[in-house]
Amino acid sequence: MSKSTVLEDYNTSEKDKSCRYFKMVKIKSLKAKTSEKLVKKLVDKDAVLHTDESITLVNIADCIDTHII
């Protein structure tokens, strides 16, 4: 399930609240190293990620621009 959030472009003040797509990947473990590798491979470095407080995502901020918990 997903809930869209209104996002505003900092430069143009244009608002967007669409969810473009979801990509699911089967992983072998829930270790932080596994999630870090996937984020580095699949997510743009300039991305903003909204996540829960999972310990799997502890070091994710090192891989992306902004991590919001």
N, C-alpha and C. Protein backbone atom coordinates (compact mmCIF):
# COMPACT_ATOMS: atom_id res chain seq x y z
N MET A 1 0.84 -1.17 0.00
CA MET A 1 0.00 0.00 0.00
C MET A 1 0.89 1.24 0.00
N SER A 2 0.41 2.26 -0.63
CA SER A 2 1.19 3.49 -0.71
C SER A 2 0.29 4.70 -0.51
N LYS A 3 0.85 5.71 0.05
CA LYS A 3 0.14 6.98 0.20
C LYS A 3 1.03 8.06 -0.39
N SER A 4 0.52 8.79 -1.33
CA SER A 4 1.33 9.82 -1.97
C SER A 4 1.46 11.04 -1.06
N THR A 5 2.54 11.76 -1.23
CA THR A 5 2.81 12.96 -0.47
C THR A 5 3.04 14.10 -1.44
N VAL A 6 2.53 15.25 -1.13
CA VAL A 6 2.74 16.41 -2.00
C VAL A 6 4.19 16.85 -1.88
N LEU A 7 4.87 16.94 -3.01
CA LEU A 7 6.25 17.39 -3.07
C LEU A 7 6.32 18.68 -3.85
N GLU A 8 7.13 19.61 -3.38
CA GLU A 8 7.26 20.89 -4.06
C GLU A 8 8.70 21.05 -4.55
N ASP A 9 8.86 21.35 -5.83
CA ASP A 9 10.18 21.59 -6.41
C ASP A 9 10.73 22.89 -5.83
N TYR A 10 11.90 22.83 -5.26
CA TYR A 10 12.52 23.98 -4.60
C TYR A 10 12.75 25.14 -5.57
N ASN A 11 13.14 24.85 -6.79
CA ASN A 11 13.47 25.89 -7.77
C ASN A 11 12.25 26.50 -8.46
N THR A 12 11.27 25.67 -8.79
CA THR A 12 10.13 26.16 -9.58
C THR A 12 8.84 26.31 -8.78
N SER A 13 8.82 25.84 -7.55
CA SER A 13 7.63 25.84 -6.69
C SER A 13 6.49 24.99 -7.28
N GLU A 14 6.82 24.15 -8.25
CA GLU A 14 5.83 23.26 -8.87
C GLU A 14 5.55 22.10 -7.92
N LYS A 15 4.28 21.76 -7.77
CA LYS A 15 3.88 20.69 -6.86
C LYS A 15 3.54 19.42 -7.62
N ASP A 16 3.89 18.28 -7.01
CA ASP A 16 3.65 16.98 -7.62
C ASP A 16 3.27 16.01 -6.50
N LYS A 17 2.25 15.20 -6.73
CA LYS A 17 1.91 14.20 -5.72
C LYS A 17 1.61 12.84 -6.34
N SER A 18 2.22 12.60 -7.48
CA SER A 18 2.01 11.31 -8.12
C SER A 18 3.05 10.30 -7.69
N CYS A 19 2.67 9.07 -7.72
CA CYS A 19 3.59 7.98 -7.43
C CYS A 19 3.87 7.31 -8.77
N ARG A 20 5.07 7.45 -9.27
CA ARG A 20 5.39 7.01 -10.62
C ARG A 20 5.40 5.48 -10.74
N TYR A 21 6.14 4.80 -9.91
CA TYR A 21 6.17 3.33 -9.96
C TYR A 21 6.83 2.78 -8.70
N PHE A 22 6.63 1.50 -8.48
CA PHE A 22 7.29 0.78 -7.40
C PHE A 22 8.16 -0.30 -8.01
N LYS A 23 9.29 -0.52 -7.43
CA LYS A 23 10.15 -1.60 -7.90
C LYS A 23 10.44 -2.50 -6.71
N MET A 24 10.11 -3.76 -6.85
CA MET A 24 10.35 -4.72 -5.79
C MET A 24 11.53 -5.60 -6.15
N VAL A 25 12.35 -5.88 -5.14
CA VAL A 25 13.51 -6.72 -5.34
C VAL A 25 13.54 -7.75 -4.21
N LYS A 26 13.73 -8.99 -4.57
CA LYS A 26 13.84 -10.05 -3.57
C LYS A 26 15.27 -10.05 -3.03
N ILE A 27 15.40 -10.00 -1.70
CA ILE A 27 16.72 -10.00 -1.09
C ILE A 27 16.90 -11.24 -0.21
N LYS A 28 18.17 -11.59 0.02
CA LYS A 28 18.47 -12.80 0.79
C LYS A 28 18.50 -12.53 2.30
N SER A 29 18.80 -11.30 2.69
CA SER A 29 18.87 -10.99 4.12
C SER A 29 18.43 -9.56 4.38
N LEU A 30 18.18 -9.27 5.64
CA LEU A 30 17.78 -7.92 6.02
C LEU A 30 18.93 -7.15 6.67
N LYS A 31 20.14 -7.54 6.34
CA LYS A 31 21.31 -6.86 6.89
C LYS A 31 21.47 -5.49 6.25
N ALA A 32 22.06 -4.56 7.01
CA ALA A 32 22.24 -3.19 6.52
C ALA A 32 23.09 -3.16 5.25
N LYS A 33 24.09 -4.02 5.15
CA LYS A 33 24.95 -4.04 3.95
C LYS A 33 24.16 -4.39 2.70
N THR A 34 23.19 -5.26 2.84
CA THR A 34 22.35 -5.65 1.70
C THR A 34 21.54 -4.45 1.21
N SER A 35 20.91 -3.74 2.13
CA SER A 35 20.10 -2.59 1.73
C SER A 35 20.96 -1.46 1.17
N GLU A 36 22.15 -1.26 1.72
CA GLU A 36 23.05 -0.22 1.22
C GLU A 36 23.45 -0.51 -0.23
N LYS A 37 23.76 -1.75 -0.53
CA LYS A 37 24.13 -2.12 -1.90
C LYS A 37 22.98 -1.86 -2.86
N LEU A 38 21.76 -2.23 -2.46
CA LEU A 38 20.60 -2.02 -3.32
C LEU A 38 20.33 -0.53 -3.54
N VAL A 39 20.42 0.25 -2.49
CA VAL A 39 20.18 1.69 -2.63
C VAL A 39 21.22 2.32 -3.54
N LYS A 40 22.47 1.95 -3.37
CA LYS A 40 23.53 2.50 -4.24
C LYS A 40 23.29 2.12 -5.70
N LYS A 41 22.78 0.92 -5.92
CA LYS A 41 22.56 0.42 -7.28
C LYS A 41 21.29 0.98 -7.92
N LEU A 42 20.21 1.12 -7.15
CA LEU A 42 18.90 1.42 -7.73
C LEU A 42 18.38 2.84 -7.50
N VAL A 43 18.95 3.57 -6.55
CA VAL A 43 18.41 4.88 -6.20
C VAL A 43 19.39 5.98 -6.56
N ASP A 44 18.88 7.05 -7.15
CA ASP A 44 19.69 8.20 -7.52
C ASP A 44 20.31 8.83 -6.27
N LYS A 45 21.57 9.26 -6.35
CA LYS A 45 22.25 9.86 -5.20
C LYS A 45 21.58 11.14 -4.71
N ASP A 46 20.84 11.81 -5.58
CA ASP A 46 20.16 13.06 -5.21
C ASP A 46 18.75 12.82 -4.66
N ALA A 47 18.40 11.58 -4.42
CA ALA A 47 17.05 11.23 -3.98
C ALA A 47 16.79 11.60 -2.51
N VAL A 48 15.52 11.74 -2.20
CA VAL A 48 15.07 11.93 -0.83
C VAL A 48 14.24 10.69 -0.48
N LEU A 49 14.66 9.95 0.54
CA LEU A 49 13.95 8.74 0.93
C LEU A 49 13.21 8.95 2.25
N HIS A 50 11.94 8.57 2.27
CA HIS A 50 11.14 8.56 3.48
C HIS A 50 11.02 7.11 3.92
N THR A 51 11.55 6.76 5.08
CA THR A 51 11.53 5.37 5.54
C THR A 51 11.09 5.29 6.99
N ASP A 52 10.95 4.05 7.46
CA ASP A 52 10.65 3.85 8.87
C ASP A 52 11.97 3.80 9.65
N GLU A 53 11.91 3.41 10.92
CA GLU A 53 13.10 3.40 11.76
C GLU A 53 13.81 2.05 11.78
N SER A 54 13.74 1.32 10.70
CA SER A 54 14.36 0.00 10.61
C SER A 54 15.87 0.10 10.77
N ILE A 55 16.44 -0.83 11.54
CA ILE A 55 17.90 -0.84 11.72
C ILE A 55 18.61 -1.25 10.43
N THR A 56 17.87 -1.82 9.50
CA THR A 56 18.44 -2.17 8.20
C THR A 56 18.85 -0.92 7.43
N LEU A 57 18.19 0.20 7.71
CA LEU A 57 18.43 1.43 6.96
C LEU A 57 19.27 2.45 7.73
N VAL A 58 20.03 1.99 8.71
CA VAL A 58 20.81 2.88 9.58
C VAL A 58 21.77 3.77 8.80
N ASN A 59 22.53 3.22 7.87
CA ASN A 59 23.56 3.98 7.17
C ASN A 59 23.13 4.43 5.77
N ILE A 60 21.87 4.42 5.51
CA ILE A 60 21.36 4.76 4.18
C ILE A 60 21.68 6.21 3.81
N ALA A 61 21.76 7.10 4.79
CA ALA A 61 22.03 8.52 4.53
C ALA A 61 23.39 8.71 3.86
N ASP A 62 24.30 7.76 3.99
CA ASP A 62 25.61 7.85 3.34
C ASP A 62 25.50 7.59 1.84
N CYS A 63 24.39 7.01 1.39
CA CYS A 63 24.22 6.62 -0.01
C CYS A 63 23.38 7.62 -0.82
N ILE A 64 22.62 8.47 -0.15
CA ILE A 64 21.68 9.37 -0.83
C ILE A 64 21.81 10.78 -0.28
N ASP A 65 21.07 11.70 -0.88
CA ASP A 65 21.12 13.10 -0.47
C ASP A 65 20.42 13.32 0.88
N THR A 66 19.18 12.85 1.02
CA THR A 66 18.41 13.09 2.24
C THR A 66 17.65 11.84 2.66
N HIS A 67 17.74 11.51 3.95
CA HIS A 67 17.00 10.38 4.50
C HIS A 67 16.11 10.91 5.61
N ILE A 68 14.79 10.79 5.44
CA ILE A 68 13.83 11.27 6.41
C ILE A 68 13.17 10.06 7.08
N ILE A 69 13.25 10.03 8.38
CA ILE A 69 12.68 8.92 9.15
C ILE A 69 11.35 9.34 9.73
